[in-house]
């Protein structure tokens, strides 16, 4: 059977489909259970064709995480522009959406998944992705109306990501924590973070 000749538009659509598929796999099953074979089957392409887009599954994951960043930025803007929400309610809704990512279709890597991806990346690609992450959190702080000198975006990123990852890690990866208090923990952490953000915002 002859191979299909893909147009540039069709290739771009396959690339988008791969990124959306791996995001959904992370949300539904976790990256560890999402092999290239599974991804290719879902997108209906061959494994050989997959490698014309990405060198590895880990590279696809990084591109997929980048791909969802503009959606997060747009979502934050919509919340901040929503006349029905106060500033505090908007920020809280955004953070809650990210922490409870599986309910919202947002890909957040577990601790094990981060390690898996990290060990398969070159230092150059990892540093490029880290720069993208800093830019993401910097843009979010700007959207939330905080001054550039107010909070280091890396600190904000650490706090936000640690909330997401710790919540996701209970109880399997972190069995000594108390899963029955997980949501109360998230509420406390988010309120504490927003209190500090509001203090900085109002001090300008």
C-alpha atoms as a PDB file:
ATOM      1  CA  UNK A   1       0.000   0.000   0.000  1.00  0.00           C
ATOM      2  CA  UNK A   2       1.554   3.336  -1.024  1.00  0.00           C
ATOM      3  CA  UNK A   3       2.324   5.879   1.666  1.00  0.00           C
ATOM      4  CA  UNK A   4       0.034   8.862   1.889  1.00  0.00           C
ATOM      5  CA  UNK A   5       1.556  12.154   0.813  1.00  0.00           C
ATOM      6  CA  UNK A   6       0.751  14.752   3.466  1.00  0.00           C
ATOM      7  CA  UNK A   7       0.402  18.428   2.671  1.00  0.00           C
ATOM      8  CA  UNK A   8       2.017  20.963   4.996  1.00  0.00           C
ATOM      9  CA  UNK A   9      -1.411  21.775   6.401  1.00  0.00           C
ATOM     10  CA  UNK A  10      -2.087  18.094   7.080  1.00  0.00           C
ATOM     11  CA  UNK A  11       1.320  17.688   8.720  1.00  0.00           C
ATOM     12  CA  UNK A  12       0.639  20.637  11.013  1.00  0.00           C
ATOM     13  CA  UNK A  13      -2.705  19.110  11.945  1.00  0.00           C
ATOM     14  CA  UNK A  14      -1.022  15.790  12.784  1.00  0.00           C
ATOM     15  CA  UNK A  15       1.484  17.655  14.944  1.00  0.00           C
ATOM     16  CA  UNK A  16      -1.338  19.417  16.795  1.00  0.00           C
ATOM     17  CA  UNK A  17      -3.201  16.123  17.159  1.00  0.00           C
ATOM     18  CA  UNK A  18      -0.113  14.518  18.700  1.00  0.00           C
ATOM     19  CA  UNK A  19       0.252  17.337  21.222  1.00  0.00           C
ATOM     20  CA  UNK A  20      -3.435  17.261  22.145  1.00  0.00           C
ATOM     21  CA  UNK A  21      -3.319  13.477  22.428  1.00  0.00           C
ATOM     22  CA  UNK A  22      -0.324  13.381  24.765  1.00  0.00           C
ATOM     23  CA  UNK A  23      -1.933  16.104  26.908  1.00  0.00           C
ATOM     24  CA  UNK A  24      -5.083  14.007  27.193  1.00  0.00           C
ATOM     25  CA  UNK A  25      -3.023  10.887  27.930  1.00  0.00           C
ATOM     26  CA  UNK A  26      -1.217  12.677  30.760  1.00  0.00           C
ATOM     27  CA  UNK A  27      -4.571  13.805  32.154  1.00  0.00           C
ATOM     28  CA  UNK A  28      -6.276  10.409  31.784  1.00  0.00           C
ATOM     29  CA  UNK A  29      -3.607   7.783  32.326  1.00  0.00           C
ATOM     30  CA  UNK A  30      -0.278   9.410  33.065  1.00  0.00           C
ATOM     31  CA  UNK A  31       2.734   9.666  30.832  1.00  0.00           C
ATOM     32  CA  UNK A  32       4.299   6.418  32.029  1.00  0.00           C
ATOM     33  CA  UNK A  33       1.410   4.465  30.505  1.00  0.00           C
ATOM     34  CA  UNK A  34       1.450   6.419  27.219  1.00  0.00           C
ATOM     35  CA  UNK A  35       3.955   4.899  24.806  1.00  0.00           C
ATOM     36  CA  UNK A  36       4.713   6.182  21.327  1.00  0.00           C
ATOM     37  CA  UNK A  37       2.829   3.164  19.972  1.00  0.00           C
ATOM     38  CA  UNK A  38      -0.298   4.192  21.891  1.00  0.00           C
ATOM     39  CA  UNK A  39      -0.001   7.818  20.777  1.00  0.00           C
ATOM     40  CA  UNK A  40       0.447   6.804  17.137  1.00  0.00           C
ATOM     41  CA  UNK A  41      -2.552   4.500  17.293  1.00  0.00           C
ATOM     42  CA  UNK A  42      -4.742   7.264  18.694  1.00  0.00           C
ATOM     43  CA  UNK A  43      -3.642   9.721  15.984  1.00  0.00           C
ATOM     44  CA  UNK A  44      -3.717   6.997  13.302  1.00  0.00           C
ATOM     45  CA  UNK A  45      -0.161   7.417  12.070  1.00  0.00           C
ATOM     46  CA  UNK A  46       2.845   5.114  11.844  1.00  0.00           C
ATOM     47  CA  UNK A  47       5.687   5.165  14.332  1.00  0.00           C
ATOM     48  CA  UNK A  48       8.051   6.073  11.509  1.00  0.00           C
ATOM     49  CA  UNK A  49       5.914   9.097  10.679  1.00  0.00           C
ATOM     50  CA  UNK A  50       5.917  10.119  14.357  1.00  0.00           C
ATOM     51  CA  UNK A  51       9.713  10.501  14.232  1.00  0.00           C
ATOM     52  CA  UNK A  52       9.450  13.015  11.406  1.00  0.00           C
ATOM     53  CA  UNK A  53       7.880  15.352  13.989  1.00  0.00           C
ATOM     54  CA  UNK A  54       9.630  14.549  17.260  1.00  0.00           C
ATOM     55  CA  UNK A  55      12.870  12.806  18.196  1.00  0.00           C
ATOM     56  CA  UNK A  56      11.279  11.199  21.251  1.00  0.00           C
ATOM     57  CA  UNK A  57       8.160  11.041  23.383  1.00  0.00           C
ATOM     58  CA  UNK A  58       9.852  13.380  25.860  1.00  0.00           C
ATOM     59  CA  UNK A  59      10.376  16.029  23.187  1.00  0.00           C
ATOM     60  CA  UNK A  60       6.683  15.732  22.283  1.00  0.00           C
ATOM     61  CA  UNK A  61       5.777  16.253  25.948  1.00  0.00           C
ATOM     62  CA  UNK A  62       7.797  19.468  26.123  1.00  0.00           C
ATOM     63  CA  UNK A  63       6.173  20.783  22.954  1.00  0.00           C
ATOM     64  CA  UNK A  64       2.731  19.834  24.287  1.00  0.00           C
ATOM     65  CA  UNK A  65       3.388  21.702  27.547  1.00  0.00           C
ATOM     66  CA  UNK A  66       4.458  24.729  25.501  1.00  0.00           C
ATOM     67  CA  UNK A  67       1.352  24.326  23.342  1.00  0.00           C
ATOM     68  CA  UNK A  68      -0.981  24.649  26.334  1.00  0.00           C
ATOM     69  CA  UNK A  69       0.788  27.734  27.721  1.00  0.00           C
ATOM     70  CA  UNK A  70      -1.050  30.276  25.487  1.00  0.00           C
ATOM     71  CA  UNK A  71      -4.348  28.659  26.524  1.00  0.00           C
ATOM     72  CA  UNK A  72      -3.446  29.199  30.183  1.00  0.00           C
ATOM     73  CA  UNK A  73      -2.507  32.817  29.459  1.00  0.00           C
ATOM     74  CA  UNK A  74      -5.800  33.390  27.644  1.00  0.00           C
ATOM     75  CA  UNK A  75      -7.756  31.743  30.458  1.00  0.00           C
ATOM     76  CA  UNK A  76      -6.062  34.008  33.029  1.00  0.00           C
ATOM     77  CA  UNK A  77      -6.940  37.078  30.929  1.00  0.00           C
ATOM     78  CA  UNK A  78     -10.567  36.004  30.654  1.00  0.00           C
ATOM     79  CA  UNK A  79     -10.807  35.599  34.419  1.00  0.00           C
ATOM     80  CA  UNK A  80      -9.233  38.987  35.066  1.00  0.00           C
ATOM     81  CA  UNK A  81     -11.620  40.633  32.581  1.00  0.00           C
ATOM     82  CA  UNK A  82     -14.718  38.883  33.929  1.00  0.00           C
ATOM     83  CA  UNK A  83     -16.864  41.624  35.548  1.00  0.00           C
ATOM     84  CA  UNK A  84     -18.591  39.021  37.733  1.00  0.00           C
ATOM     85  CA  UNK A  85     -15.321  38.110  39.474  1.00  0.00           C
ATOM     86  CA  UNK A  86     -13.265  40.145  41.901  1.00  0.00           C
ATOM     87  CA  UNK A  87      -9.482  40.170  41.456  1.00  0.00           C
ATOM     88  CA  UNK A  88      -9.117  37.660  44.267  1.00  0.00           C
ATOM     89  CA  UNK A  89     -11.807  35.366  42.879  1.00  0.00           C
ATOM     90  CA  UNK A  90     -10.189  35.424  39.445  1.00  0.00           C
ATOM     91  CA  UNK A  91      -6.727  34.488  40.709  1.00  0.00           C
ATOM     92  CA  UNK A  92      -8.180  31.831  43.008  1.00  0.00           C
ATOM     93  CA  UNK A  93     -10.196  30.290  40.168  1.00  0.00           C
ATOM     94  CA  UNK A  94      -7.104  30.155  37.972  1.00  0.00           C
ATOM     95  CA  UNK A  95      -4.960  28.486  40.618  1.00  0.00           C
ATOM     96  CA  UNK A  96      -7.682  26.013  41.546  1.00  0.00           C
ATOM     97  CA  UNK A  97      -8.134  25.110  37.878  1.00  0.00           C
ATOM     98  CA  UNK A  98      -4.414  24.350  37.612  1.00  0.00           C
ATOM     99  CA  UNK A  99      -4.231  22.328  40.830  1.00  0.00           C
ATOM    100  CA  UNK A 100      -7.306  20.272  39.947  1.00  0.00           C
ATOM    101  CA  UNK A 101      -5.895  19.923  36.446  1.00  0.00           C
ATOM    102  CA  UNK A 102      -7.279  16.464  35.698  1.00  0.00           C
ATOM    103  CA  UNK A 103     -10.833  17.798  35.980  1.00  0.00           C
ATOM    104  CA  UNK A 104     -10.000  20.629  33.572  1.00  0.00           C
ATOM    105  CA  UNK A 105      -7.963  18.780  30.934  1.00  0.00           C
ATOM    106  CA  UNK A 106      -4.675  20.509  31.813  1.00  0.00           C
ATOM    107  CA  UNK A 107      -1.505  18.429  31.642  1.00  0.00           C
ATOM    108  CA  UNK A 108       0.532  18.534  34.845  1.00  0.00           C
ATOM    109  CA  UNK A 109       3.420  16.098  35.153  1.00  0.00           C
ATOM    110  CA  UNK A 110       3.827  13.996  38.259  1.00  0.00           C
ATOM    111  CA  UNK A 111       7.138  13.871  40.111  1.00  0.00           C
ATOM    112  CA  UNK A 112       8.036  10.597  38.387  1.00  0.00           C
ATOM    113  CA  UNK A 113       7.048  11.945  34.981  1.00  0.00           C
ATOM    114  CA  UNK A 114       9.192  15.043  35.418  1.00  0.00           C
ATOM    115  CA  UNK A 115      12.168  12.840  36.235  1.00  0.00           C
ATOM    116  CA  UNK A 116      11.491  10.612  33.226  1.00  0.00           C
ATOM    117  CA  UNK A 117      11.308  13.562  30.846  1.00  0.00           C
ATOM    118  CA  UNK A 118      14.279  15.390  32.385  1.00  0.00           C
ATOM    119  CA  UNK A 119      16.656  12.425  32.086  1.00  0.00           C
ATOM    120  CA  UNK A 120      15.876  12.049  28.374  1.00  0.00           C
ATOM    121  CA  UNK A 121      16.506  15.678  27.407  1.00  0.00           C
ATOM    122  CA  UNK A 122      19.649  17.455  26.370  1.00  0.00           C
ATOM    123  CA  UNK A 123      20.765  20.279  28.639  1.00  0.00           C
ATOM    124  CA  UNK A 124      20.077  22.763  25.842  1.00  0.00           C
ATOM    125  CA  UNK A 125      16.466  21.657  25.367  1.00  0.00           C
ATOM    126  CA  UNK A 126      15.856  21.599  29.098  1.00  0.00           C
ATOM    127  CA  UNK A 127      17.211  25.134  29.542  1.00  0.00           C
ATOM    128  CA  UNK A 128      15.104  26.392  26.634  1.00  0.00           C
ATOM    129  CA  UNK A 129      12.014  24.906  28.238  1.00  0.00           C
ATOM    130  CA  UNK A 130      12.936  26.408  31.593  1.00  0.00           C
ATOM    131  CA  UNK A 131      13.169  29.856  29.961  1.00  0.00           C
ATOM    132  CA  UNK A 132       9.690  29.296  28.499  1.00  0.00           C
ATOM    133  CA  UNK A 133       8.395  28.431  31.962  1.00  0.00           C
ATOM    134  CA  UNK A 134       9.859  31.603  33.472  1.00  0.00           C
ATOM    135  CA  UNK A 135       8.223  33.606  30.670  1.00  0.00           C
ATOM    136  CA  UNK A 136       4.874  31.899  31.345  1.00  0.00           C
ATOM    137  CA  UNK A 137       4.877  32.732  35.046  1.00  0.00           C
ATOM    138  CA  UNK A 138       6.129  36.247  34.371  1.00  0.00           C
ATOM    139  CA  UNK A 139       3.249  36.827  31.951  1.00  0.00           C
ATOM    140  CA  UNK A 140       0.756  35.462  34.462  1.00  0.00           C
ATOM    141  CA  UNK A 141       2.000  37.864  37.134  1.00  0.00           C
ATOM    142  CA  UNK A 142       1.626  40.757  34.683  1.00  0.00           C
ATOM    143  CA  UNK A 143      -1.933  39.667  33.860  1.00  0.00           C
ATOM    144  CA  UNK A 144      -2.672  39.481  37.586  1.00  0.00           C
ATOM    145  CA  UNK A 145      -1.506  43.072  37.878  1.00  0.00           C
ATOM    146  CA  UNK A 146       1.619  42.529  39.944  1.00  0.00           C
ATOM    147  CA  UNK A 147       4.681  44.732  39.396  1.00  0.00           C
ATOM    148  CA  UNK A 148       7.749  43.119  37.821  1.00  0.00           C
ATOM    149  CA  UNK A 149       9.768  43.634  40.994  1.00  0.00           C
ATOM    150  CA  UNK A 150       6.925  42.312  43.172  1.00  0.00           C
ATOM    151  CA  UNK A 151       7.402  38.555  42.983  1.00  0.00           C
ATOM    152  CA  UNK A 152      10.145  36.631  41.230  1.00  0.00           C
ATOM    153  CA  UNK A 153       8.313  34.591  38.549  1.00  0.00           C
ATOM    154  CA  UNK A 154      10.521  31.615  39.428  1.00  0.00           C
ATOM    155  CA  UNK A 155       9.309  31.766  43.027  1.00  0.00           C
ATOM    156  CA  UNK A 156       5.706  32.072  41.869  1.00  0.00           C
ATOM    157  CA  UNK A 157       6.286  29.127  39.520  1.00  0.00           C
ATOM    158  CA  UNK A 158       7.801  27.003  42.270  1.00  0.00           C
ATOM    159  CA  UNK A 159       4.887  27.663  44.604  1.00  0.00           C
ATOM    160  CA  UNK A 160       2.226  27.064  41.950  1.00  0.00           C
ATOM    161  CA  UNK A 161       3.861  23.933  40.535  1.00  0.00           C
ATOM    162  CA  UNK A 162       4.571  22.470  43.975  1.00  0.00           C
ATOM    163  CA  UNK A 163       0.892  22.826  44.881  1.00  0.00           C
ATOM    164  CA  UNK A 164      -0.085  21.000  41.688  1.00  0.00           C
ATOM    165  CA  UNK A 165       2.501  18.245  42.001  1.00  0.00           C
ATOM    166  CA  UNK A 166       2.022  17.525  45.702  1.00  0.00           C
ATOM    167  CA  UNK A 167      -1.745  17.311  45.265  1.00  0.00           C
ATOM    168  CA  UNK A 168      -1.252  14.953  42.309  1.00  0.00           C
ATOM    169  CA  UNK A 169       1.270  12.849  44.262  1.00  0.00           C
ATOM    170  CA  UNK A 170      -1.127  11.908  47.044  1.00  0.00           C
ATOM    171  CA  UNK A 171      -1.392   9.200  48.153  1.00  0.00           C
ATOM    172  CA  UNK A 172       0.677   7.005  45.807  1.00  0.00           C
ATOM    173  CA  UNK A 173       3.988   8.877  45.578  1.00  0.00           C
ATOM    174  CA  UNK A 174       3.777  10.616  48.954  1.00  0.00           C
ATOM    175  CA  UNK A 175       1.970   8.106  51.202  1.00  0.00           C
ATOM    176  CA  UNK A 176       3.054   9.776  54.454  1.00  0.00           C
ATOM    177  CA  UNK A 177       0.911  12.815  53.673  1.00  0.00           C
ATOM    178  CA  UNK A 178      -2.780  12.869  54.592  1.00  0.00           C
ATOM    179  CA  UNK A 179      -4.909  12.582  51.426  1.00  0.00           C
ATOM    180  CA  UNK A 180      -8.101  13.258  53.373  1.00  0.00           C
ATOM    181  CA  UNK A 181      -6.778  16.790  54.015  1.00  0.00           C
ATOM    182  CA  UNK A 182      -5.607  17.365  50.435  1.00  0.00           C
ATOM    183  CA  UNK A 183      -8.303  19.822  49.373  1.00  0.00           C
ATOM    184  CA  UNK A 184      -8.096  21.736  52.643  1.00  0.00           C
ATOM    185  CA  UNK A 185      -4.325  21.959  52.082  1.00  0.00           C
ATOM    186  CA  UNK A 186      -4.851  23.359  48.575  1.00  0.00           C
ATOM    187  CA  UNK A 187      -7.351  25.945  49.831  1.00  0.00           C
ATOM    188  CA  UNK A 188      -4.960  27.072  52.574  1.00  0.00           C
ATOM    189  CA  UNK A 189      -1.989  27.288  50.188  1.00  0.00           C
ATOM    190  CA  UNK A 190      -3.926  29.215  47.549  1.00  0.00           C
ATOM    191  CA  UNK A 191      -5.367  31.669  50.066  1.00  0.00           C
ATOM    192  CA  UNK A 192      -1.938  32.233  51.624  1.00  0.00           C
ATOM    193  CA  UNK A 193      -0.348  32.849  48.216  1.00  0.00           C
ATOM    194  CA  UNK A 194      -3.129  35.227  47.177  1.00  0.00           C
ATOM    195  CA  UNK A 195      -2.832  37.121  50.479  1.00  0.00           C
ATOM    196  CA  UNK A 196       0.834  37.813  49.701  1.00  0.00           C
ATOM    197  CA  UNK A 197       0.079  38.685  46.064  1.00  0.00           C
ATOM    198  CA  UNK A 198      -2.630  41.111  47.196  1.00  0.00           C
ATOM    199  CA  UNK A 199      -0.305  42.715  49.730  1.00  0.00           C
ATOM    200  CA  UNK A 200       2.297  43.306  46.998  1.00  0.00           C
ATOM    201  CA  UNK A 201      -0.300  44.528  44.527  1.00  0.00           C
ATOM    202  CA  UNK A 202      -1.706  47.058  46.991  1.00  0.00           C
ATOM    203  CA  UNK A 203       1.720  48.294  48.079  1.00  0.00           C
ATOM    204  CA  UNK A 204       2.482  49.704  44.630  1.00  0.00           C
END
